[in-house]
PDB file of N, CA and C in Angstrom:
ATOM      1  N   MET A   1     -15.829  -0.349 -28.209  1.00  0.00           N
ATOM      2  CA  MET A   1     -17.049  -0.388 -27.263  1.00  0.00           C
ATOM      3  C   MET A   1     -16.450  -0.087 -25.895  1.00  0.00           C
ATOM      4  N   PRO A   2     -17.159   1.031 -25.165  1.00  0.00           N
ATOM      5  CA  PRO A   2     -16.801   1.184 -23.887  1.00  0.00           C
ATOM      6  C   PRO A   2     -17.063  -0.187 -22.786  1.00  0.00           C
ATOM      7  N   VAL A   3     -16.254  -0.237 -21.779  1.00  0.00           N
ATOM      8  CA  VAL A   3     -16.280  -1.370 -20.993  1.00  0.00           C
ATOM      9  C   VAL A   3     -17.640  -1.583 -20.328  1.00  0.00           C
ATOM     10  N   TRP A   4     -18.324  -0.377 -20.167  1.00  0.00           N
ATOM     11  CA  TRP A   4     -19.585  -0.368 -19.519  1.00  0.00           C
ATOM     12  C   TRP A   4     -20.551  -1.362 -20.062  1.00  0.00           C
ATOM     13  N   PHE A   5     -20.467  -1.310 -21.439  1.00  0.00           N
ATOM     14  CA  PHE A   5     -21.429  -2.139 -22.435  1.00  0.00           C
ATOM     15  C   PHE A   5     -21.063  -3.609 -22.302  1.00  0.00           C
ATOM     16  N   HIS A   6     -19.711  -3.851 -22.151  1.00  0.00           N
ATOM     17  CA  HIS A   6     -19.453  -5.372 -22.028  1.00  0.00           C
ATOM     18  C   HIS A   6     -19.789  -5.881 -20.618  1.00  0.00           C
ATOM     19  N   ILE A   7     -19.701  -5.013 -19.590  1.00  0.00           N
ATOM     20  CA  ILE A   7     -20.306  -5.515 -18.264  1.00  0.00           C
ATOM     21  C   ILE A   7     -21.914  -5.611 -18.261  1.00  0.00           C
ATOM     22  N   LYS A   8     -22.522  -4.816 -18.902  1.00  0.00           N
ATOM     23  CA  LYS A   8     -23.917  -4.968 -19.065  1.00  0.00           C
ATOM     24  C   LYS A   8     -24.508  -6.137 -19.957  1.00  0.00           C
ATOM     25  N   LYS A   9     -23.543  -6.504 -20.699  1.00  0.00           N
ATOM     26  CA  LYS A   9     -23.885  -7.567 -21.774  1.00  0.00           C
ATOM     27  C   LYS A   9     -23.648  -8.869 -21.040  1.00  0.00           C
ATOM     28  N   SER A  10     -22.528  -9.037 -20.324  1.00  0.00           N
ATOM     29  CA  SER A  10     -22.211 -10.263 -19.446  1.00  0.00           C
ATOM     30  C   SER A  10     -21.741  -9.830 -18.130  1.00  0.00           C
ATOM     31  N   LYS A  11     -22.698  -9.717 -17.395  1.00  0.00           N
ATOM     32  CA  LYS A  11     -22.607  -9.158 -15.755  1.00  0.00           C
ATOM     33  C   LYS A  11     -22.310 -10.158 -14.796  1.00  0.00           C
ATOM     34  N   TYR A  12     -22.069 -11.518 -15.174  1.00  0.00           N
ATOM     35  CA  TYR A  12     -21.817 -12.450 -14.124  1.00  0.00           C
ATOM     36  C   TYR A  12     -20.408 -12.525 -13.718  1.00  0.00           C
ATOM     37  N   PHE A  13     -20.180 -13.035 -12.306  1.00  0.00           N
ATOM     38  CA  PHE A  13     -19.013 -13.106 -11.802  1.00  0.00           C
ATOM     39  C   PHE A  13     -17.785 -13.789 -12.476  1.00  0.00           C
ATOM     40  N   PRO A  14     -18.111 -14.818 -13.317  1.00  0.00           N
ATOM     41  CA  PRO A  14     -16.942 -15.417 -14.182  1.00  0.00           C
ATOM     42  C   PRO A  14     -16.460 -14.748 -15.375  1.00  0.00           C
ATOM     43  N   ASN A  15     -17.323 -13.575 -15.602  1.00  0.00           N
ATOM     44  CA  ASN A  15     -16.832 -12.810 -16.688  1.00  0.00           C
ATOM     45  C   ASN A  15     -15.913 -11.526 -16.296  1.00  0.00           C
ATOM     46  N   GLY A  16     -15.716 -11.446 -14.879  1.00  0.00           N
ATOM     47  CA  GLY A  16     -14.962 -10.371 -14.218  1.00  0.00           C
ATOM     48  C   GLY A  16     -13.549 -10.274 -14.973  1.00  0.00           C
ATOM     49  N   PRO A  17     -12.725 -11.290 -14.947  1.00  0.00           N
ATOM     50  CA  PRO A  17     -11.351 -11.056 -15.640  1.00  0.00           C
ATOM     51  C   PRO A  17     -11.511 -10.613 -17.030  1.00  0.00           C
ATOM     52  N   GLU A  18     -12.466 -11.041 -17.751  1.00  0.00           N
ATOM     53  CA  GLU A  18     -12.495 -10.556 -19.138  1.00  0.00           C
ATOM     54  C   GLU A  18     -12.827  -8.899 -19.135  1.00  0.00           C
ATOM     55  N   HIS A  19     -13.517  -8.554 -18.160  1.00  0.00           N
ATOM     56  CA  HIS A  19     -13.798  -7.071 -18.060  1.00  0.00           C
ATOM     57  C   HIS A  19     -12.612  -6.291 -17.651  1.00  0.00           C
ATOM     58  N   VAL A  20     -11.754  -6.845 -16.779  1.00  0.00           N
ATOM     59  CA  VAL A  20     -10.480  -6.350 -16.400  1.00  0.00           C
ATOM     60  C   VAL A  20      -9.610  -6.148 -17.775  1.00  0.00           C
ATOM     61  N   PHE A  21      -9.613  -7.262 -18.385  1.00  0.00           N
ATOM     62  CA  PHE A  21      -8.776  -7.230 -19.712  1.00  0.00           C
ATOM     63  C   PHE A  21      -9.368  -6.344 -20.833  1.00  0.00           C
ATOM     64  N   GLU A  22     -10.648  -6.117 -20.750  1.00  0.00           N
ATOM     65  CA  GLU A  22     -11.081  -4.987 -21.746  1.00  0.00           C
ATOM     66  C   GLU A  22     -10.621  -3.663 -21.102  1.00  0.00           C
ATOM     67  N   VAL A  23     -10.669  -3.376 -20.065  1.00  0.00           N
ATOM     68  CA  VAL A  23     -10.066  -2.113 -19.375  1.00  0.00           C
ATOM     69  C   VAL A  23      -8.704  -1.890 -19.756  1.00  0.00           C
ATOM     70  N   ILE A  24      -7.852  -3.069 -19.767  1.00  0.00           N
ATOM     71  CA  ILE A  24      -6.466  -3.047 -20.037  1.00  0.00           C
ATOM     72  C   ILE A  24      -6.360  -2.797 -21.502  1.00  0.00           C
ATOM     73  N   LYS A  25      -7.061  -3.505 -22.041  1.00  0.00           N
ATOM     74  CA  LYS A  25      -6.973  -3.330 -23.665  1.00  0.00           C
ATOM     75  C   LYS A  25      -7.547  -1.909 -24.238  1.00  0.00           C
ATOM     76  N   SER A  26      -8.267  -1.404 -23.680  1.00  0.00           N
ATOM     77  CA  SER A  26      -8.909   0.038 -24.181  1.00  0.00           C
ATOM     78  C   SER A  26      -8.018   1.030 -23.654  1.00  0.00           C
ATOM     79  N   SER A  27      -7.176   0.771 -22.649  1.00  0.00           N
ATOM     80  CA  SER A  27      -6.243   1.792 -21.870  1.00  0.00           C
ATOM     81  C   SER A  27      -4.948   1.935 -22.854  1.00  0.00           C
ATOM     82  N   LYS A  28      -4.818   0.886 -23.636  1.00  0.00           N
ATOM     83  CA  LYS A  28      -3.591   0.874 -24.685  1.00  0.00           C
ATOM     84  C   LYS A  28      -3.417   2.177 -25.583  1.00  0.00           C
ATOM     85  N   PHE A  29      -4.693   2.714 -25.760  1.00  0.00           N
ATOM     86  CA  PHE A  29      -4.826   3.602 -26.867  1.00  0.00           C
ATOM     87  C   PHE A  29      -4.538   5.009 -26.358  1.00  0.00           C
ATOM     88  N   LEU A  30      -4.363   5.072 -25.010  1.00  0.00           N
ATOM     89  CA  LEU A  30      -4.480   6.530 -24.304  1.00  0.00           C
ATOM     90  C   LEU A  30      -2.831   6.811 -24.427  1.00  0.00           C
ATOM     91  N   PRO A  31      -2.749   8.242 -24.350  1.00  0.00           N
ATOM     92  CA  PRO A  31      -1.502   8.994 -24.433  1.00  0.00           C
ATOM     93  C   PRO A  31      -0.585   8.451 -23.183  1.00  0.00           C
ATOM     94  N   GLU A  32       0.685   8.537 -23.218  1.00  0.00           N
ATOM     95  CA  GLU A  32       1.630   8.095 -22.128  1.00  0.00           C
ATOM     96  C   GLU A  32       1.382   8.825 -20.957  1.00  0.00           C
ATOM     97  N   ASN A  33       1.172  10.220 -20.678  1.00  0.00           N
ATOM     98  CA  ASN A  33       0.933  10.879 -19.625  1.00  0.00           C
ATOM     99  C   ASN A  33      -0.354  10.256 -18.916  1.00  0.00           C
ATOM    100  N   LEU A  34      -1.321   9.780 -19.829  1.00  0.00           N
ATOM    101  CA  LEU A  34      -2.502   9.408 -19.141  1.00  0.00           C
ATOM    102  C   LEU A  34      -2.253   7.880 -18.650  1.00  0.00           C
ATOM    103  N   LEU A  35      -1.350   7.070 -19.407  1.00  0.00           N
ATOM    104  CA  LEU A  35      -1.269   5.703 -19.003  1.00  0.00           C
ATOM    105  C   LEU A  35      -0.433   5.681 -17.681  1.00  0.00           C
ATOM    106  N   LYS A  36       0.433   6.658 -17.369  1.00  0.00           N
ATOM    107  CA  LYS A  36       1.089   6.708 -16.135  1.00  0.00           C
ATOM    108  C   LYS A  36       0.219   6.907 -14.959  1.00  0.00           C
ATOM    109  N   VAL A  37      -1.049   7.384 -15.218  1.00  0.00           N
ATOM    110  CA  VAL A  37      -1.988   7.644 -14.159  1.00  0.00           C
ATOM    111  C   VAL A  37      -2.724   6.479 -14.082  1.00  0.00           C
ATOM    112  N   ILE A  38      -3.334   5.958 -15.195  1.00  0.00           N
ATOM    113  CA  ILE A  38      -4.421   4.840 -15.193  1.00  0.00           C
ATOM    114  C   ILE A  38      -3.806   3.492 -14.953  1.00  0.00           C
ATOM    115  N   GLU A  39      -2.581   3.183 -15.180  1.00  0.00           N
ATOM    116  CA  GLU A  39      -2.235   1.776 -15.041  1.00  0.00           C
ATOM    117  C   GLU A  39      -1.973   1.538 -13.592  1.00  0.00           C
ATOM    118  N   PRO A  40      -1.611   2.430 -12.613  1.00  0.00           N
ATOM    119  CA  PRO A  40      -1.507   2.036 -11.398  1.00  0.00           C
ATOM    120  C   PRO A  40      -3.045   2.017 -10.615  1.00  0.00           C
ATOM    121  N   VAL A  41      -3.860   2.417 -11.224  1.00  0.00           N
ATOM    122  CA  VAL A  41      -5.147   2.419 -10.709  1.00  0.00           C
ATOM    123  C   VAL A  41      -5.878   1.143 -11.124  1.00  0.00           C
ATOM    124  N   ILE A  42      -5.637   0.631 -12.361  1.00  0.00           N
ATOM    125  CA  ILE A  42      -5.976  -0.639 -12.753  1.00  0.00           C
ATOM    126  C   ILE A  42      -5.332  -1.585 -12.027  1.00  0.00           C
ATOM    127  N   GLN A  43      -4.023  -1.604 -11.815  1.00  0.00           N
ATOM    128  CA  GLN A  43      -3.348  -2.550 -11.030  1.00  0.00           C
ATOM    129  C   GLN A  43      -3.921  -2.507  -9.603  1.00  0.00           C
ATOM    130  N   ARG A  44      -4.133  -1.603  -9.064  1.00  0.00           N
ATOM    131  CA  ARG A  44      -4.629  -1.501  -7.652  1.00  0.00           C
ATOM    132  C   ARG A  44      -6.085  -2.245  -7.572  1.00  0.00           C
ATOM    133  N   ASN A  45      -6.773  -2.136  -8.480  1.00  0.00           N
ATOM    134  CA  ASN A  45      -8.214  -2.498  -8.502  1.00  0.00           C
ATOM    135  C   ASN A  45      -8.516  -3.745  -9.292  1.00  0.00           C
ATOM    136  N   ALA A  46      -7.483  -4.322  -9.527  1.00  0.00           N
ATOM    137  CA  ALA A  46      -7.563  -5.829 -10.476  1.00  0.00           C
ATOM    138  C   ALA A  46      -8.143  -6.941  -9.528  1.00  0.00           C
ATOM    139  N   PHE A  47      -8.886  -6.776  -8.686  1.00  0.00           N
ATOM    140  CA  PHE A  47      -9.304  -7.861  -7.803  1.00  0.00           C
ATOM    141  C   PHE A  47      -9.904  -8.948  -8.478  1.00  0.00           C
ATOM    142  N   LEU A  48     -10.616  -8.681  -9.642  1.00  0.00           N
ATOM    143  CA  LEU A  48     -11.373  -9.648 -10.451  1.00  0.00           C
ATOM    144  C   LEU A  48     -10.577 -10.498 -11.249  1.00  0.00           C
ATOM    145  N   ALA A  49      -9.113  -9.861 -11.404  1.00  0.00           N
ATOM    146  CA  ALA A  49      -8.099 -10.710 -12.034  1.00  0.00           C
ATOM    147  C   ALA A  49      -7.412 -11.627 -11.327  1.00  0.00           C
ATOM    148  N   HIS A  50      -7.858 -11.842 -10.005  1.00  0.00           N
ATOM    149  CA  HIS A  50      -7.070 -12.713  -8.954  1.00  0.00           C
ATOM    150  C   HIS A  50      -7.062 -14.124  -9.510  1.00  0.00           C
ATOM    151  N   PRO A  51      -6.027 -14.973  -9.322  1.00  0.00           N
ATOM    152  CA  PRO A  51      -5.840 -16.292  -9.922  1.00  0.00           C
ATOM    153  C   PRO A  51      -7.108 -17.141  -9.711  1.00  0.00           C
ATOM    154  N   GLU A  52      -7.834 -16.984  -8.548  1.00  0.00           N
ATOM    155  CA  GLU A  52      -8.839 -17.929  -8.388  1.00  0.00           C
ATOM    156  C   GLU A  52     -10.051 -17.569  -9.462  1.00  0.00           C
ATOM    157  N   ASN A  53     -10.095 -16.305  -9.560  1.00  0.00           N
ATOM    158  CA  ASN A  53     -11.381 -15.777 -10.537  1.00  0.00           C
ATOM    159  C   ASN A  53     -10.983 -16.205 -12.096  1.00  0.00           C
ATOM    160  N   LEU A  54      -9.616 -16.008 -12.111  1.00  0.00           N
ATOM    161  CA  LEU A  54      -9.094 -16.237 -13.589  1.00  0.00           C
ATOM    162  C   LEU A  54      -9.373 -17.659 -14.123  1.00  0.00           C
ATOM    163  N   LEU A  55      -9.057 -18.520 -12.931  1.00  0.00           N
ATOM    164  CA  LEU A  55      -9.498 -19.840 -13.078  1.00  0.00           C
ATOM    165  C   LEU A  55     -10.819 -20.186 -13.444  1.00  0.00           C
ATOM    166  N   LEU A  56     -11.696 -19.683 -12.504  1.00  0.00           N
ATOM    167  CA  LEU A  56     -13.102 -19.795 -12.612  1.00  0.00           C
ATOM    168  C   LEU A  56     -13.544 -19.434 -14.066  1.00  0.00           C
ATOM    169  N   SER A  57     -13.115 -18.258 -14.639  1.00  0.00           N
ATOM    170  CA  SER A  57     -13.499 -17.782 -15.765  1.00  0.00           C
ATOM    171  C   SER A  57     -12.888 -18.673 -16.992  1.00  0.00           C
ATOM    172  N   MET A  58     -11.829 -19.297 -16.721  1.00  0.00           N
ATOM    173  CA  MET A  58     -11.159 -19.985 -17.702  1.00  0.00           C
ATOM    174  C   MET A  58     -12.103 -21.359 -17.838  1.00  0.00           C
ATOM    175  N   ILE A  59     -12.636 -21.839 -16.855  1.00  0.00           N
ATOM    176  CA  ILE A  59     -13.300 -23.109 -16.715  1.00  0.00           C
ATOM    177  C   ILE A  59     -14.696 -22.969 -17.603  1.00  0.00           C
ATOM    178  N   VAL A  60     -15.132 -21.761 -17.646  1.00  0.00           N
ATOM    179  CA  VAL A  60     -16.467 -21.461 -18.167  1.00  0.00           C
ATOM    180  C   VAL A  60     -16.290 -20.940 -19.508  1.00  0.00           C
ATOM    181  N   ASP A  61     -15.129 -20.749 -20.076  1.00  0.00           N
ATOM    182  CA  ASP A  61     -14.853 -20.002 -21.336  1.00  0.00           C
ATOM    183  C   ASP A  61     -15.340 -20.843 -22.477  1.00  0.00           C
ATOM    184  N   GLU A  62     -15.778 -20.167 -23.487  1.00  0.00           N
ATOM    185  CA  GLU A  62     -16.259 -20.843 -24.758  1.00  0.00           C
ATOM    186  C   GLU A  62     -15.414 -21.699 -25.570  1.00  0.00           C
ATOM    187  N   ARG A  63     -14.065 -21.400 -25.311  1.00  0.00           N
ATOM    188  CA  ARG A  63     -13.086 -22.091 -26.074  1.00  0.00           C
ATOM    189  C   ARG A  63     -12.653 -23.285 -25.281  1.00  0.00           C
ATOM    190  N   GLU A  64     -12.606 -24.358 -25.958  1.00  0.00           N
ATOM    191  CA  GLU A  64     -12.442 -25.688 -25.465  1.00  0.00           C
ATOM    192  C   GLU A  64     -10.940 -25.836 -24.821  1.00  0.00           C
ATOM    193  N   HIS A  65     -10.043 -25.244 -25.722  1.00  0.00           N
ATOM    194  CA  HIS A  65      -8.694 -25.349 -25.124  1.00  0.00           C
ATOM    195  C   HIS A  65      -8.433 -24.480 -23.889  1.00  0.00           C
ATOM    196  N   ILE A  66      -9.145 -23.438 -23.827  1.00  0.00           N
ATOM    197  CA  ILE A  66      -9.062 -22.539 -22.581  1.00  0.00           C
ATOM    198  C   ILE A  66      -9.596 -23.377 -21.440  1.00  0.00           C
ATOM    199  N   ARG A  67     -10.790 -24.060 -21.624  1.00  0.00           N
ATOM    200  CA  ARG A  67     -11.383 -24.779 -20.625  1.00  0.00           C
ATOM    201  C   ARG A  67     -10.555 -25.750 -20.064  1.00  0.00           C
ATOM    202  N   GLU A  68      -9.989 -26.479 -21.053  1.00  0.00           N
ATOM    203  CA  GLU A  68      -8.947 -27.699 -20.514  1.00  0.00           C
ATOM    204  C   GLU A  68      -7.737 -27.101 -19.754  1.00  0.00           C
ATOM    205  N   LEU A  69      -7.113 -25.983 -20.209  1.00  0.00           N
ATOM    206  CA  LEU A  69      -6.123 -25.367 -19.769  1.00  0.00           C
ATOM    207  C   LEU A  69      -6.473 -24.964 -18.147  1.00  0.00           C
ATOM    208  N   GLY A  70      -7.727 -24.272 -18.054  1.00  0.00           N
ATOM    209  CA  GLY A  70      -8.205 -24.018 -16.877  1.00  0.00           C
ATOM    210  C   GLY A  70      -8.310 -25.054 -15.830  1.00  0.00           C
ATOM    211  N   PHE A  71      -8.647 -26.256 -16.431  1.00  0.00           N
ATOM    212  CA  PHE A  71      -8.963 -27.536 -15.369  1.00  0.00           C
ATOM    213  C   PHE A  71      -7.569 -28.044 -15.106  1.00  0.00           C
ATOM    214  N   ARG A  72      -6.509 -27.922 -16.076  1.00  0.00           N
ATOM    215  CA  ARG A  72      -5.209 -28.489 -15.722  1.00  0.00           C
ATOM    216  C   ARG A  72      -4.601 -27.649 -14.582  1.00  0.00           C
ATOM    217  N   ARG A  73      -4.750 -26.393 -14.967  1.00  0.00           N
ATOM    218  CA  ARG A  73      -4.204 -25.248 -13.914  1.00  0.00           C
ATOM    219  C   ARG A  73      -4.807 -25.458 -12.398  1.00  0.00           C
ATOM    220  N   THR A  74      -6.132 -25.796 -12.530  1.00  0.00           N
ATOM    221  CA  THR A  74      -6.846 -25.978 -11.172  1.00  0.00           C
ATOM    222  C   THR A  74      -6.223 -27.208 -10.427  1.00  0.00           C
ATOM    223  N   ILE A  75      -6.115 -28.386 -11.122  1.00  0.00           N
ATOM    224  CA  ILE A  75      -5.565 -29.556 -10.638  1.00  0.00           C
ATOM    225  C   ILE A  75      -4.171 -29.344  -9.985  1.00  0.00           C
ATOM    226  N   LYS A  76      -3.420 -28.557 -10.925  1.00  0.00           N
ATOM    227  CA  LYS A  76      -2.030 -28.360 -10.387  1.00  0.00           C
ATOM    228  C   LYS A  76      -1.925 -27.483  -9.262  1.00  0.00           C
ATOM    229  N   VAL A  77      -2.689 -26.532  -9.044  1.00  0.00           N
ATOM    230  CA  VAL A  77      -2.781 -25.550  -7.961  1.00  0.00           C
ATOM    231  C   VAL A  77      -3.315 -26.431  -6.668  1.00  0.00           C
ATOM    232  N   LYS A  78      -4.366 -27.362  -6.848  1.00  0.00           N
ATOM    233  CA  LYS A  78      -4.904 -28.120  -5.760  1.00  0.00           C
ATOM    234  C   LYS A  78      -3.859 -28.860  -5.156  1.00  0.00           C
ATOM    235  N   ASN A  79      -2.969 -29.436  -6.077  1.00  0.00           N
ATOM    236  CA  ASN A  79      -1.874 -30.428  -5.501  1.00  0.00           C
ATOM    237  C   ASN A  79      -0.878 -29.600  -4.787  1.00  0.00           C
ATOM    238  N   LEU A  80      -0.522 -28.339  -5.240  1.00  0.00           N
ATOM    239  CA  LEU A  80       0.355 -27.592  -4.483  1.00  0.00           C
ATOM    240  C   LEU A  80      -0.182 -26.880  -3.213  1.00  0.00           C
ATOM    241  N   ALA A  81      -1.524 -26.626  -3.199  1.00  0.00           N
ATOM    242  CA  ALA A  81      -2.249 -25.981  -2.170  1.00  0.00           C
ATOM    243  C   ALA A  81      -2.247 -26.917  -0.876  1.00  0.00           C
ATOM    244  N   SER A  82      -2.365 -28.157  -1.192  1.00  0.00           N
ATOM    245  CA  SER A  82      -2.495 -29.269  -0.112  1.00  0.00           C
ATOM    246  C   SER A  82      -1.322 -29.350   0.877  1.00  0.00           C
ATOM    247  N   LYS A  83       0.031 -28.700   0.181  1.00  0.00           N
ATOM    248  CA  LYS A  83       1.319 -28.824   1.069  1.00  0.00           C
ATOM    249  C   LYS A  83       1.381 -27.345   1.832  1.00  0.00           C
ATOM    250  N   ARG A  84       0.555 -26.583   1.702  1.00  0.00           N
ATOM    251  CA  ARG A  84       0.681 -25.246   2.198  1.00  0.00           C
ATOM    252  C   ARG A  84       0.151 -25.251   3.755  1.00  0.00           C
ATOM    253  N   LYS A  85       0.663 -24.592   4.579  1.00  0.00           N
ATOM    254  CA  LYS A  85       0.490 -24.710   5.910  1.00  0.00           C
ATOM    255  C   LYS A  85      -0.543 -23.574   6.434  1.00  0.00           C
ATOM    256  N   SER A  86      -0.334 -22.255   5.788  1.00  0.00           N
ATOM    257  CA  SER A  86      -0.945 -21.170   6.070  1.00  0.00           C
ATOM    258  C   SER A  86      -2.050 -20.814   5.147  1.00  0.00           C
ATOM    259  N   VAL A  87      -2.841 -19.764   5.442  1.00  0.00           N
ATOM    260  CA  VAL A  87      -3.762 -19.208   4.908  1.00  0.00           C
ATOM    261  C   VAL A  87      -3.200 -18.028   3.978  1.00  0.00           C
ATOM    262  N   SER A  88      -3.413 -17.940   2.679  1.00  0.00           N
ATOM    263  CA  SER A  88      -3.030 -16.781   1.776  1.00  0.00           C
ATOM    264  C   SER A  88      -3.968 -15.544   1.988  1.00  0.00           C
ATOM    265  N   SER A  89      -3.268 -14.422   1.777  1.00  0.00           N
ATOM    266  CA  SER A  89      -4.109 -13.206   1.835  1.00  0.00           C
ATOM    267  C   SER A  89      -4.560 -12.950   0.461  1.00  0.00           C
ATOM    268  N   PHE A  90      -5.851 -12.322   0.341  1.00  0.00           N
ATOM    269  CA  PHE A  90      -6.384 -11.994  -0.881  1.00  0.00           C
ATOM    270  C   PHE A  90      -5.781 -10.550  -1.233  1.00  0.00           C
ATOM    271  N   GLN A  91      -4.874 -10.712  -2.196  1.00  0.00           N
ATOM    272  CA  GLN A  91      -4.398  -9.250  -2.543  1.00  0.00           C
ATOM    273  C   GLN A  91      -4.524  -9.100  -4.261  1.00  0.00           C
ATOM    274  N   PRO A  92      -4.576  -8.018  -4.780  1.00  0.00           N
ATOM    275  CA  PRO A  92      -4.657  -7.755  -6.221  1.00  0.00           C
ATOM    276  C   PRO A  92      -3.545  -8.240  -6.872  1.00  0.00           C
ATOM    277  N   PRO A  93      -3.537  -9.059  -7.884  1.00  0.00           N
ATOM    278  CA  PRO A  93      -2.490  -9.651  -8.642  1.00  0.00           C
ATOM    279  C   PRO A  93      -1.718  -8.777  -9.330  1.00  0.00           C
ATOM    280  N   ASN A  94      -0.513  -9.017  -9.612  1.00  0.00           N
ATOM    281  CA  ASN A  94       0.421  -8.060 -10.765  1.00  0.00           C
ATOM    282  C   ASN A  94      -0.167  -8.433 -12.241  1.00  0.00           C
ATOM    283  N   VAL A  95      -0.807  -7.362 -12.715  1.00  0.00           N
ATOM    284  CA  VAL A  95      -1.521  -7.456 -14.084  1.00  0.00           C
ATOM    285  C   VAL A  95      -0.306  -7.181 -14.966  1.00  0.00           C
ATOM    286  N   SER A  96      -0.428  -8.076 -16.068  1.00  0.00           N
ATOM    287  CA  SER A  96       0.362  -7.686 -17.313  1.00  0.00           C
ATOM    288  C   SER A  96      -0.418  -6.931 -18.402  1.00  0.00           C
ATOM    289  N   PHE A  97       0.337  -5.771 -18.494  1.00  0.00           N
ATOM    290  CA  PHE A  97      -0.626  -4.752 -19.342  1.00  0.00           C
ATOM    291  C   PHE A  97      -0.231  -5.167 -20.999  1.00  0.00           C
ATOM    292  N   LEU A  98       0.642  -6.268 -21.080  1.00  0.00           N
ATOM    293  CA  LEU A  98       1.125  -6.630 -22.479  1.00  0.00           C
ATOM    294  C   LEU A  98       0.143  -7.626 -22.974  1.00  0.00           C
ATOM    295  N   ALA A  99      -0.605  -8.247 -22.054  1.00  0.00           N
ATOM    296  CA  ALA A  99      -1.344  -9.577 -22.498  1.00  0.00           C
ATOM    297  C   ALA A  99      -2.145  -9.235 -23.693  1.00  0.00           C
ATOM    298  N   ILE A 100      -2.263 -10.423 -24.405  1.00  0.00           N
ATOM    299  CA  ILE A 100      -3.089 -10.336 -25.553  1.00  0.00           C
ATOM    300  C   ILE A 100      -4.438 -11.194 -25.375  1.00  0.00           C
ATOM    301  N   ASP A 101      -4.600 -11.791 -24.251  1.00  0.00           N
ATOM    302  CA  ASP A 101      -5.807 -12.493 -24.004  1.00  0.00           C
ATOM    303  C   ASP A 101      -6.015 -12.371 -22.306  1.00  0.00           C
ATOM    304  N   TYR A 102      -7.244 -12.502 -21.785  1.00  0.00           N
ATOM    305  CA  TYR A 102      -7.339 -12.453 -20.451  1.00  0.00           C
ATOM    306  C   TYR A 102      -6.726 -13.482 -19.684  1.00  0.00           C
ATOM    307  N   THR A 103      -6.544 -14.678 -20.472  1.00  0.00           N
ATOM    308  CA  THR A 103      -5.816 -15.719 -19.757  1.00  0.00           C
ATOM    309  C   THR A 103      -4.288 -15.578 -19.466  1.00  0.00           C
ATOM    310  N   GLU A 104      -3.622 -14.509 -20.101  1.00  0.00           N
ATOM    311  CA  GLU A 104      -2.253 -14.168 -19.901  1.00  0.00           C
ATOM    312  C   GLU A 104      -2.027 -13.042 -19.046  1.00  0.00           C
ATOM    313  N   MET A 105      -3.040 -12.441 -18.304  1.00  0.00           N
ATOM    314  CA  MET A 105      -3.088 -11.297 -17.767  1.00  0.00           C
ATOM    315  C   MET A 105      -2.220 -11.179 -16.324  1.00  0.00           C
ATOM    316  N   ILE A 106      -2.203 -12.426 -15.711  1.00  0.00           N
ATOM    317  CA  ILE A 106      -1.323 -12.433 -14.675  1.00  0.00           C
ATOM    318  C   ILE A 106      -0.128 -13.497 -14.779  1.00  0.00           C
ATOM    319  N   HIS A 107       0.923 -13.432 -14.076  1.00  0.00           N
ATOM    320  CA  HIS A 107       1.989 -14.227 -14.449  1.00  0.00           C
ATOM    321  C   HIS A 107       2.398 -14.961 -12.933  1.00  0.00           C
TER     322      HIS A 107
END
C-alpha cells in the first residue's frame, strides 16, 4: 500500500515515525541503483524519526510492551538530560535501513 494511504489513515503527529518506517520498508523493494538515490533523501528528511518523536510514538503505541519500553527510555533520557549543560540541536537522526520495526529505526 502506498505510504500516502498510511498517512491519510493515521495523520497525527505520533504516527510520524511509523510513516518514515513505511517509506523505508517500501524502499527495500527498489533496484540497487534507485536505492543509492533514495536512501540519502530519506536519511536527510527523517526529522519525524528524531528520538523525541520516536519516544512519543512508542508511548502511544497499541502494543503494551512497546509502551513500557517507551516509558523506560523516556525516564532514562530524562535522568541523562539533567546532567547536560547545553542545548542540543535538532538534526535528522541516523536511520537504520535494516530495521524490522519503527522502534529500531535509530541507534
